[in-house]
Structures are given as C-alpha cells and as structure tokens.
C-alpha atoms as a PDB file:
ATOM      1  CA  MET A   1       0.055   0.168  -0.122  1.00  0.00           C
ATOM      2  CA  GLN A   2       1.689   3.283  -1.428  1.00  0.00           C
ATOM      3  CA  PRO A   3       0.920   6.476   0.921  1.00  0.00           C
ATOM      4  CA  ASN A   4      -0.590   9.649  -0.950  1.00  0.00           C
ATOM      5  CA  PHE A   5       1.271  12.868  -0.329  1.00  0.00           C
ATOM      6  CA  ASN A   6      -0.787  15.595   1.589  1.00  0.00           C
ATOM      7  CA  LEU A   7      -0.232  18.158  -0.743  1.00  0.00           C
ATOM      8  CA  GLN A   8      -2.615  20.576   0.582  1.00  0.00           C
ATOM      9  CA  ARG A   9      -0.914  19.949   4.239  1.00  0.00           C
ATOM     10  CA  GLU A  10       2.489  21.387   2.379  1.00  0.00           C
ATOM     11  CA  ILE A  11       0.833  24.122   0.746  1.00  0.00           C
ATOM     12  CA  LYS A  12      -0.510  25.649   3.913  1.00  0.00           C
ATOM     13  CA  ASN A  13       2.552  25.240   6.168  1.00  0.00           C
ATOM     14  CA  GLU A  14       0.872  25.450   9.304  1.00  0.00           C
ATOM     15  CA  LEU A  15       0.654  24.257  12.802  1.00  0.00           C
ATOM     16  CA  VAL A  16      -2.712  22.047  13.426  1.00  0.00           C
ATOM     17  CA  CYS A  17      -3.886  21.347  16.738  1.00  0.00           C
ATOM     18  CA  GLY A  18      -7.778  19.754  17.540  1.00  0.00           C
ATOM     19  CA  ILE A  19     -10.482  16.764  18.594  1.00  0.00           C
ATOM     20  CA  SER A  20     -10.768  13.832  16.503  1.00  0.00           C
ATOM     21  CA  LYS A  21     -13.943  11.225  16.880  1.00  0.00           C
ATOM     22  CA  SER A  22     -14.238   7.452  15.784  1.00  0.00           C
ATOM     23  CA  SER A  23     -12.657   8.838  11.922  1.00  0.00           C
ATOM     24  CA  VAL A  24     -10.779   7.075   9.725  1.00  0.00           C
ATOM     25  CA  THR A  25      -7.494   8.784   8.006  1.00  0.00           C
ATOM     26  CA  PRO A  26      -6.188   7.027   5.117  1.00  0.00           C
ATOM     27  CA  PHE A  27      -2.320   6.203   4.778  1.00  0.00           C
ATOM     28  CA  HIS A  28      -0.254   9.571   3.699  1.00  0.00           C
ATOM     29  CA  PHE A  29       2.639  11.076   4.916  1.00  0.00           C
ATOM     30  CA  HIS A  30       4.044  15.002   4.631  1.00  0.00           C
ATOM     31  CA  SER A  31       7.015  16.722   5.916  1.00  0.00           C
ATOM     32  CA  HIS A  32       5.669  17.610   9.237  1.00  0.00           C
ATOM     33  CA  ILE A  33       5.874  15.980  12.656  1.00  0.00           C
ATOM     34  CA  GLU A  34       2.543  14.814  13.888  1.00  0.00           C
ATOM     35  CA  PHE A  35       0.928  13.558  17.163  1.00  0.00           C
ATOM     36  CA  TYR A  36      -2.062  11.379  17.666  1.00  0.00           C
ATOM     37  CA  ILE A  37      -3.125  11.074  21.373  1.00  0.00           C
ATOM     38  CA  VAL A  38      -5.539   8.585  21.970  1.00  0.00           C
ATOM     39  CA  LEU A  39      -7.737   9.674  24.845  1.00  0.00           C
ATOM     40  CA  TYR A  40     -10.587   6.937  25.101  1.00  0.00           C
ATOM     41  CA  GLY A  41     -11.628   4.045  22.940  1.00  0.00           C
ATOM     42  CA  LYS A  42      -9.560   1.963  20.791  1.00  0.00           C
ATOM     43  CA  ILE A  43      -7.579   3.234  17.225  1.00  0.00           C
ATOM     44  CA  GLU A  44      -5.643   1.513  14.748  1.00  0.00           C
ATOM     45  CA  VAL A  45      -2.356   3.323  14.207  1.00  0.00           C
ATOM     46  CA  ILE A  46       0.069   2.455  11.348  1.00  0.00           C
ATOM     47  CA  VAL A  47       3.871   4.269  10.898  1.00  0.00           C
ATOM     48  CA  ASN A  48       5.783   3.086   8.513  1.00  0.00           C
ATOM     49  CA  ASP A  49       5.845  -0.690   8.634  1.00  0.00           C
ATOM     50  CA  LYS A  50       4.756  -0.293  12.468  1.00  0.00           C
ATOM     51  CA  ARG A  51       0.977  -1.105  13.332  1.00  0.00           C
ATOM     52  CA  LYS A  52      -0.850  -0.651  17.233  1.00  0.00           C
ATOM     53  CA  ILE A  53      -3.704  -0.434  18.139  1.00  0.00           C
ATOM     54  CA  LEU A  54      -3.576   2.429  20.758  1.00  0.00           C
ATOM     55  CA  GLN A  55      -5.625   2.785  23.943  1.00  0.00           C
ATOM     56  CA  GLY A  56      -6.696   5.758  26.195  1.00  0.00           C
ATOM     57  CA  GLY A  57      -3.500   6.851  27.483  1.00  0.00           C
ATOM     58  CA  GLU A  58      -1.120   6.116  24.683  1.00  0.00           C
ATOM     59  CA  PHE A  59      -0.164   8.139  21.614  1.00  0.00           C
ATOM     60  CA  SER A  60       1.899   7.891  18.312  1.00  0.00           C
ATOM     61  CA  VAL A  61       4.879  10.290  17.130  1.00  0.00           C
ATOM     62  CA  ALA A  62       4.960  10.303  12.732  1.00  0.00           C
ATOM     63  CA  LEU A  63       8.121  12.122  12.069  1.00  0.00           C
ATOM     64  CA  SER A  64       8.721  14.010   8.675  1.00  0.00           C
ATOM     65  CA  TYR A  65       7.746  11.936   5.878  1.00  0.00           C
ATOM     66  CA  ASP A  66       6.709   9.128   8.074  1.00  0.00           C
ATOM     67  CA  ALA A  67       3.717   7.142   6.394  1.00  0.00           C
ATOM     68  CA  HIS A  68       0.933   6.941   8.724  1.00  0.00           C
ATOM     69  CA  SER A  69      -2.927   6.059   9.139  1.00  0.00           C
ATOM     70  CA  TYR A  70      -5.898   6.359  11.709  1.00  0.00           C
ATOM     71  CA  ARG A  71      -8.586   3.933  12.173  1.00  0.00           C
ATOM     72  CA  ALA A  72     -10.984   4.001  15.174  1.00  0.00           C
ATOM     73  CA  LEU A  73     -12.518   0.752  16.164  1.00  0.00           C
ATOM     74  CA  GLY A  74     -15.943   2.242  17.440  1.00  0.00           C
ATOM     75  CA  ASP A  75     -16.504   4.845  19.719  1.00  0.00           C
ATOM     76  CA  ALA A  76     -13.102   6.585  20.168  1.00  0.00           C
ATOM     77  CA  LYS A  77     -11.571  10.068  20.647  1.00  0.00           C
ATOM     78  CA  ALA A  78      -8.122  11.339  19.827  1.00  0.00           C
ATOM     79  CA  ILE A  79      -5.976  14.583  20.032  1.00  0.00           C
ATOM     80  CA  TYR A  80      -4.384  15.297  16.992  1.00  0.00           C
ATOM     81  CA  LEU A  81      -1.324  17.771  16.512  1.00  0.00           C
ATOM     82  CA  ILE A  82       0.713  18.476  13.169  1.00  0.00           C
ATOM     83  CA  ILE A  83       3.946  20.607  13.270  1.00  0.00           C
ATOM     84  CA  PRO A  84       5.654  21.872  10.580  1.00  0.00           C
ATOM     85  CA  GLN A  85       9.513  21.243  10.549  1.00  0.00           C
ATOM     86  CA  SER A  86      10.262  25.003  10.586  1.00  0.00           C
ATOM     87  CA  TYR A  87       8.225  25.441  13.670  1.00  0.00           C
ATOM     88  CA  VAL A  88      10.895  24.186  15.778  1.00  0.00           C
ATOM     89  CA  LYS A  89      13.892  23.231  13.563  1.00  0.00           C
ATOM     90  CA  ASP A  90      16.552  22.203  16.355  1.00  0.00           C
ATOM     91  CA  PHE A  91      14.526  19.758  17.991  1.00  0.00           C
ATOM     92  CA  THR A  92      13.068  18.292  14.784  1.00  0.00           C
ATOM     93  CA  ASP A  93      16.759  17.792  13.556  1.00  0.00           C
ATOM     94  CA  GLN A  94      17.327  15.667  16.497  1.00  0.00           C
ATOM     95  CA  LEU A  95      14.338  13.349  16.727  1.00  0.00           C
ATOM     96  CA  MET A  96      15.456  12.680  12.561  1.00  0.00           C
ATOM     97  CA  GLY A  97      18.293  11.614  13.703  1.00  0.00           C
ATOM     98  CA  ARG A  98      17.102   8.759  15.661  1.00  0.00           C
ATOM     99  CA  ARG A  99      16.933   6.117  13.341  1.00  0.00           C
ATOM    100  CA  GLU A 100      15.619   3.276  15.100  1.00  0.00           C
ATOM    101  CA  PHE A 101      13.198   5.867  16.749  1.00  0.00           C
ATOM    102  CA  PHE A 102       9.701   3.734  18.391  1.00  0.00           C
ATOM    103  CA  PRO A 103       6.405   5.433  17.104  1.00  0.00           C
ATOM    104  CA  PHE A 104       4.431   4.330  20.093  1.00  0.00           C
ATOM    105  CA  ILE A 105       4.518   6.100  23.395  1.00  0.00           C
ATOM    106  CA  ASP A 106       3.057   4.479  26.902  1.00  0.00           C
ATOM    107  CA  ASP A 107       4.777   6.175  29.619  1.00  0.00           C
ATOM    108  CA  PRO A 108       2.014   7.361  31.569  1.00  0.00           C
ATOM    109  CA  GLU A 109       4.569  10.584  32.707  1.00  0.00           C
ATOM    110  CA  THR A 110       5.190  11.474  28.942  1.00  0.00           C
ATOM    111  CA  VAL A 111       1.729  10.671  27.868  1.00  0.00           C
ATOM    112  CA  LYS A 112       0.674  13.064  30.418  1.00  0.00           C
ATOM    113  CA  THR A 113       2.929  16.172  29.638  1.00  0.00           C
ATOM    114  CA  VAL A 114       2.239  15.627  26.010  1.00  0.00           C
ATOM    115  CA  THR A 115      -1.904  15.527  26.357  1.00  0.00           C
ATOM    116  CA  ASP A 116      -1.690  18.656  29.064  1.00  0.00           C
ATOM    117  CA  ALA A 117       0.123  20.920  26.725  1.00  0.00           C
ATOM    118  CA  ALA A 118      -1.480  19.905  23.392  1.00  0.00           C
ATOM    119  CA  SER A 119      -4.676  19.946  25.118  1.00  0.00           C
ATOM    120  CA  LYS A 120      -3.323  24.066  25.813  1.00  0.00           C
ATOM    121  CA  LEU A 121      -2.829  24.503  22.104  1.00  0.00           C
ATOM    122  CA  ILE A 122      -6.037  23.677  21.073  1.00  0.00           C
ATOM    123  CA  LEU A 123      -7.632  26.639  23.395  1.00  0.00           C
ATOM    124  CA  GLY A 124      -5.214  29.102  21.366  1.00  0.00           C
ATOM    125  CA  GLY A 125      -2.940  31.531  22.886  1.00  0.00           C
ATOM    126  CA  ASN A 126      -0.307  33.950  21.778  1.00  0.00           C
ATOM    127  CA  GLU A 127       2.671  32.684  19.927  1.00  0.00           C
ATOM    128  CA  LEU A 128       5.083  32.490  22.031  1.00  0.00           C
ATOM    129  CA  THR A 129       3.105  30.624  24.421  1.00  0.00           C
ATOM    130  CA  ARG A 130       2.218  27.894  21.274  1.00  0.00           C
ATOM    131  CA  ARG A 131       6.211  27.676  20.412  1.00  0.00           C
ATOM    132  CA  GLY A 132       6.477  27.369  24.071  1.00  0.00           C
ATOM    133  CA  LEU A 133       4.404  24.345  24.484  1.00  0.00           C
ATOM    134  CA  ILE A 134       5.591  22.411  21.609  1.00  0.00           C
ATOM    135  CA  PHE A 135       9.411  22.413  22.714  1.00  0.00           C
ATOM    136  CA  LEU A 136       7.763  20.978  25.796  1.00  0.00           C
ATOM    137  CA  ILE A 137       6.091  18.502  24.244  1.00  0.00           C
ATOM    138  CA  LEU A 138       9.482  17.434  21.564  1.00  0.00           C
ATOM    139  CA  GLY A 139      11.304  17.702  24.717  1.00  0.00           C
ATOM    140  CA  ALA A 140       9.369  15.309  26.448  1.00  0.00           C
ATOM    141  CA  ILE A 141       9.633  12.699  23.807  1.00  0.00           C
ATOM    142  CA  LEU A 142      13.724  13.323  23.617  1.00  0.00           C
ATOM    143  CA  ASP A 143      14.203  12.525  27.128  1.00  0.00           C
ATOM    144  CA  LYS A 144      12.674   9.074  26.776  1.00  0.00           C
ATOM    145  CA  LEU A 145      15.200   8.053  23.601  1.00  0.00           C
ATOM    146  CA  PRO A 146      18.046   6.258  24.759  1.00  0.00           C
ATOM    147  CA  LYS A 147      20.798   8.434  26.141  1.00  0.00           C
ATOM    148  CA  ASP A 148      24.185   6.118  24.771  1.00  0.00           C
ATOM    149  CA  GLU A 149      22.486   6.284  21.588  1.00  0.00           C
ATOM    150  CA  SER A 150      25.038   7.556  18.915  1.00  0.00           C
ATOM    151  CA  PRO A 151      22.919  10.148  16.579  1.00  0.00           C
ATOM    152  CA  HIS A 152      22.253   8.848  12.909  1.00  0.00           C
ATOM    153  CA  LEU A 153      20.932  10.849  10.709  1.00  0.00           C
ATOM    154  CA  LYS A 154      18.612  10.014   8.056  1.00  0.00           C
ATOM    155  CA  PRO A 155      19.264  10.183   4.474  1.00  0.00           C
ATOM    156  CA  HIS A 156      18.639  14.445   3.166  1.00  0.00           C
ATOM    157  CA  ALA A 157      15.088  14.191   2.463  1.00  0.00           C
ATOM    158  CA  PRO A 158      13.846  16.168  -0.716  1.00  0.00           C
ATOM    159  CA  SER A 159      12.483  19.411  -0.020  1.00  0.00           C
ATOM    160  CA  PRO A 160       8.798  19.599   0.453  1.00  0.00           C
ATOM    161  CA  GLU A 161       8.624  22.244  -2.352  1.00  0.00           C
ATOM    162  CA  ILE A 162       9.735  19.080  -4.491  1.00  0.00           C
ATOM    163  CA  LEU A 163       6.543  17.426  -3.484  1.00  0.00           C
ATOM    164  CA  ILE A 164       4.769  20.403  -4.189  1.00  0.00           C
ATOM    165  CA  TYR A 165       6.062  20.845  -7.473  1.00  0.00           C
ATOM    166  CA  VAL A 166       5.473  17.305  -8.585  1.00  0.00           C
ATOM    167  CA  GLY A 167       1.712  17.497  -7.166  1.00  0.00           C
ATOM    168  CA  LYS A 168       0.898  20.689  -9.139  1.00  0.00           C
ATOM    169  CA  HIS A 169       2.762  19.640 -12.455  1.00  0.00           C
ATOM    170  CA  PHE A 170       2.436  15.723 -12.742  1.00  0.00           C
ATOM    171  CA  ARG A 171      -0.353  16.310 -15.420  1.00  0.00           C
ATOM    172  CA  GLU A 172       2.685  17.914 -17.875  1.00  0.00           C
ATOM    173  CA  GLU A 173       5.551  16.092 -19.353  1.00  0.00           C
ATOM    174  CA  MET A 174       7.683  15.584 -16.512  1.00  0.00           C
ATOM    175  CA  SER A 175      11.174  13.902 -16.166  1.00  0.00           C
ATOM    176  CA  LEU A 176      13.986  13.352 -13.069  1.00  0.00           C
ATOM    177  CA  ALA A 177      16.255  15.330 -15.095  1.00  0.00           C
ATOM    178  CA  THR A 178      13.909  18.497 -15.787  1.00  0.00           C
ATOM    179  CA  VAL A 179      12.487  18.351 -11.746  1.00  0.00           C
ATOM    180  CA  ALA A 180      16.511  18.165 -10.685  1.00  0.00           C
ATOM    181  CA  LYS A 181      16.999  20.628 -12.929  1.00  0.00           C
ATOM    182  CA  GLU A 182      14.170  23.444 -11.508  1.00  0.00           C
ATOM    183  CA  PHE A 183      15.705  22.769  -7.826  1.00  0.00           C
ATOM    184  CA  GLY A 184      19.760  22.819  -8.436  1.00  0.00           C
ATOM    185  CA  TYR A 185      20.152  19.543  -7.877  1.00  0.00           C
ATOM    186  CA  SER A 186      22.127  16.521 -10.136  1.00  0.00           C
ATOM    187  CA  ALA A 187      19.267  13.976 -11.360  1.00  0.00           C
ATOM    188  CA  SER A 188      21.552  11.121  -9.733  1.00  0.00           C
ATOM    189  CA  TYR A 189      21.555  13.125  -6.317  1.00  0.00           C
ATOM    190  CA  LEU A 190      17.391  13.340  -6.850  1.00  0.00           C
ATOM    191  CA  SER A 191      17.197  10.246  -7.765  1.00  0.00           C
ATOM    192  CA  ARG A 192      19.371   8.619  -4.404  1.00  0.00           C
ATOM    193  CA  MET A 193      17.172  11.107  -2.579  1.00  0.00           C
ATOM    194  CA  PHE A 194      13.728   9.802  -3.383  1.00  0.00           C
ATOM    195  CA  SER A 195      15.142   6.122  -2.804  1.00  0.00           C
ATOM    196  CA  GLU A 196      16.335   6.655   0.343  1.00  0.00           C
ATOM    197  CA  THR A 197      13.420   8.382   1.872  1.00  0.00           C
ATOM    198  CA  PHE A 198      10.343   7.042   0.194  1.00  0.00           C
ATOM    199  CA  GLY A 199      11.675   3.376  -0.794  1.00  0.00           C
ATOM    200  CA  ILE A 200      10.943   3.487  -4.659  1.00  0.00           C
ATOM    201  CA  SER A 201      12.259   5.885  -7.291  1.00  0.00           C
ATOM    202  CA  PHE A 202      11.044   9.313  -8.720  1.00  0.00           C
ATOM    203  CA  ARG A 203       9.476   7.827 -11.742  1.00  0.00           C
ATOM    204  CA  LYS A 204       7.379   5.192  -9.610  1.00  0.00           C
ATOM    205  CA  TYR A 205       6.073   8.335  -7.381  1.00  0.00           C
ATOM    206  CA  LEU A 206       4.957  10.339 -10.424  1.00  0.00           C
ATOM    207  CA  THR A 207       3.415   7.635 -12.082  1.00  0.00           C
ATOM    208  CA  LEU A 208       1.541   6.849  -8.615  1.00  0.00           C
ATOM    209  CA  THR A 209       0.458  10.473  -8.652  1.00  0.00           C
ATOM    210  CA  ARG A 210      -0.542  10.239 -12.064  1.00  0.00           C
ATOM    211  CA  LEU A 211      -2.575   6.753 -11.037  1.00  0.00           C
ATOM    212  CA  ARG A 212      -4.640   8.205  -8.390  1.00  0.00           C
ATOM    213  CA  GLU A 213      -5.862  11.373 -10.476  1.00  0.00           C
ATOM    214  CA  ALA A 214      -7.308   8.781 -13.294  1.00  0.00           C
ATOM    215  CA  VAL A 215      -8.690   6.654 -10.538  1.00  0.00           C
ATOM    216  CA  LEU A 216     -10.469  10.202  -9.435  1.00  0.00           C
ATOM    217  CA  LEU A 217     -11.315  10.939 -12.426  1.00  0.00           C
ATOM    218  CA  LEU A 218     -12.786   7.228 -13.374  1.00  0.00           C
ATOM    219  CA  GLN A 219     -15.015   7.244  -9.822  1.00  0.00           C
ATOM    220  CA  SER A 220     -16.488  10.663 -11.481  1.00  0.00           C
ATOM    221  CA  ALA A 221     -18.224   8.627 -14.122  1.00  0.00           C
ATOM    222  CA  ASP A 222     -17.967  11.972 -16.926  1.00  0.00           C
ATOM    223  CA  MET A 223     -15.017  10.939 -19.098  1.00  0.00           C
ATOM    224  CA  SER A 224     -14.387   8.131 -21.137  1.00  0.00           C
ATOM    225  CA  ILE A 225     -10.830   5.909 -20.028  1.00  0.00           C
ATOM    226  CA  THR A 226      -8.974   7.463 -22.289  1.00  0.00           C
ATOM    227  CA  GLU A 227      -9.528  11.142 -21.109  1.00  0.00           C
ATOM    228  CA  CYS A 228      -9.085   9.987 -17.823  1.00  0.00           C
ATOM    229  CA  ALA A 229      -5.380   8.783 -18.754  1.00  0.00           C
ATOM    230  CA  MET A 230      -4.381  11.662 -21.182  1.00  0.00           C
ATOM    231  CA  GLU A 231      -5.984  14.499 -18.278  1.00  0.00           C
ATOM    232  CA  SER A 232      -3.630  12.350 -15.842  1.00  0.00           C
ATOM    233  CA  GLY A 233      -0.849  13.195 -17.364  1.00  0.00           C
ATOM    234  CA  PHE A 234      -0.093   9.576 -19.536  1.00  0.00           C
ATOM    235  CA  SER A 235       1.601  10.028 -22.575  1.00  0.00           C
ATOM    236  CA  SER A 236       0.117   7.079 -23.873  1.00  0.00           C
ATOM    237  CA  MET A 237      -2.675   4.636 -23.577  1.00  0.00           C
ATOM    238  CA  ARG A 238      -0.249   1.340 -23.720  1.00  0.00           C
ATOM    239  CA  SER A 239       1.754   3.383 -20.766  1.00  0.00           C
ATOM    240  CA  PHE A 240      -1.206   3.791 -18.938  1.00  0.00           C
ATOM    241  CA  TYR A 241      -2.723   0.105 -19.074  1.00  0.00           C
ATOM    242  CA  ARG A 242       0.508  -1.298 -18.224  1.00  0.00           C
ATOM    243  CA  ALA A 243       0.947   0.993 -14.841  1.00  0.00           C
ATOM    244  CA  PHE A 244      -2.736   0.193 -14.208  1.00  0.00           C
ATOM    245  CA  ARG A 245      -2.277  -3.507 -14.289  1.00  0.00           C
ATOM    246  CA  ASP A 246       0.782  -3.367 -12.544  1.00  0.00           C
ATOM    247  CA  GLU A 247      -0.092  -1.324  -9.209  1.00  0.00           C
ATOM    248  CA  PHE A 248      -4.145  -2.254  -9.438  1.00  0.00           C
ATOM    249  CA  ALA A 249      -4.112  -5.854 -10.826  1.00  0.00           C
ATOM    250  CA  THR A 250      -6.980  -5.111 -12.976  1.00  0.00           C
ATOM    251  CA  THR A 251      -7.464  -3.080 -16.080  1.00  0.00           C
ATOM    252  CA  PRO A 252      -9.031   0.277 -16.169  1.00  0.00           C
ATOM    253  CA  LYS A 253     -11.924  -1.122 -18.142  1.00  0.00           C
ATOM    254  CA  GLU A 254     -12.381  -3.879 -15.401  1.00  0.00           C
ATOM    255  CA  TYR A 255     -12.297  -1.000 -12.908  1.00  0.00           C
ATOM    256  CA  TYR A 256     -14.478   0.961 -14.879  1.00  0.00           C
ATOM    257  CA  ALA A 257     -17.318  -1.609 -15.258  1.00  0.00           C
ATOM    258  CA  ASN A 258     -17.392  -2.252 -11.517  1.00  0.00           C
ATOM    259  CA  ILE A 259     -17.885   1.248 -10.649  1.00  0.00           C
ATOM    260  CA  CYS A 260     -20.674   1.456 -13.334  1.00  0.00           C
ATOM    261  CA  LYS A 261     -21.807  -1.839 -11.805  1.00  0.00           C
ATOM    262  CA  ASN A 262     -21.970  -0.723  -7.971  1.00  0.00           C
END
C-alpha cells in the first residue's frame, strides 16, 4: 500500500491541533511531525511498517515523511497535533537523527505532559506560548530516547517544495532530470534522495501520482478511460494500461465496469 502525499498540508504549512472522533485517516505522509494522542477508545495506528492498536493513555509520533494512518475501532476520541518542520527545527533535527525511533509511547508521565500541552494548544494563545508548549512536547519525547545512542541522521530528504511541484505539475511532461534542474540538484542525487526516503524511484512516485488522479477521474464516471489517462499526465494509453495493471492487478476497463455496476 503506497501512501499519498498530503499536498494541501504542505501548501498551508501551518501548525494544526484539534480533536478527532471515530474517524478514518487514509495512509499518507508529509514533511510535518504528527502526534496522535488517544483520549479514550481504541484506534488502529500505522506508522511506516509498524502497527498498533492504541488505547486511552497512549500516543503515536510520525516524523517527517513517515507514512501513517488512523482507524477508530468503535467510539474513540483523540487529539491530533501537526507541527511544521520550520516551527522548531533544532528539535526536529534531533528527532530525525534517531534511526530506530519507535513511534508508539505509553509512558504515563510522558503521555500526561504531551496531552496537557496539546490540550492547551487547542485553546489557542499567543505565538510565544504556542511555541513554548511545542518545545515542551518535543522535549518530553527526546528525554525518553536512549541516552547512549549515537546519532544516526536519516538520509537527506527531498524538500517539500519538490513534492508540491510534482503535485501541481504531474499532468505535464516531467522527468527526473527536469525536476532536478528546476531545484538545482543533479539527477543522480535527486534519484538517491527519493529511493532512500520513500523506498521507490522518482519515476514510480510520479506514476503513482498520475494513477491516483486517473482513479479519481474514473470514479466520477464523467469521462472516458482515454480522457482520464490523458488528463492525468500519461503520454500514451499503452503506458497507462501497463501502469494501471501493475498497480491494481486489473485493467482500467474492468475497474470502470465495477464502478458502473456498483
């Protein structure tokens, strides 16, 4: 299951904190750090390849570009806190340096500190107060990491601006070389960043972005399959059919027929 890049989150690039009730959040990623604090009930949380059912008194942390999703199992309530990297870069750099960071935390003292601070953030306040609360939250996380662990920096991740650029221009002719040139990288360096950060190539990422758009258009049932393919940025029907079958193990025609049938 490939996560979806949250383009709107990156464009807004703002601190977000609120309450979530019995909801489902699809598998996605962004450059922000995201906390999900369970107040009551049970919520299935996935962060990259780790999965856990969290209960009241537990929370998860998704670091920059970690793929994550949430699914409430019945009646549940949680606080979500989404922090842009730029907000407190010194702290986020330290967190990103922890290669084996475990995303689920149930230590009572840490949970109380994080929950109390996040609850105050929901109420608002001036900018200085908000930043102070965020430092308190990130500091509580850092205090729980092993003290003797040598820092291992994650591979340098692509700038969010690159993913925003792809999200806005994927319908146009695009290649690794043209995007690398646009942002002042060499093609080989950008290719390595994508592979190390997302586990897939730039070309695969671009294809998945176009396929998601094609599926959304197919679901609208207002366009032909050919129109959906061309509108999504595919240069030919042959490349579209091949990519669609590789990803969904069915043809666009069969997928479209199922939409009409249901």
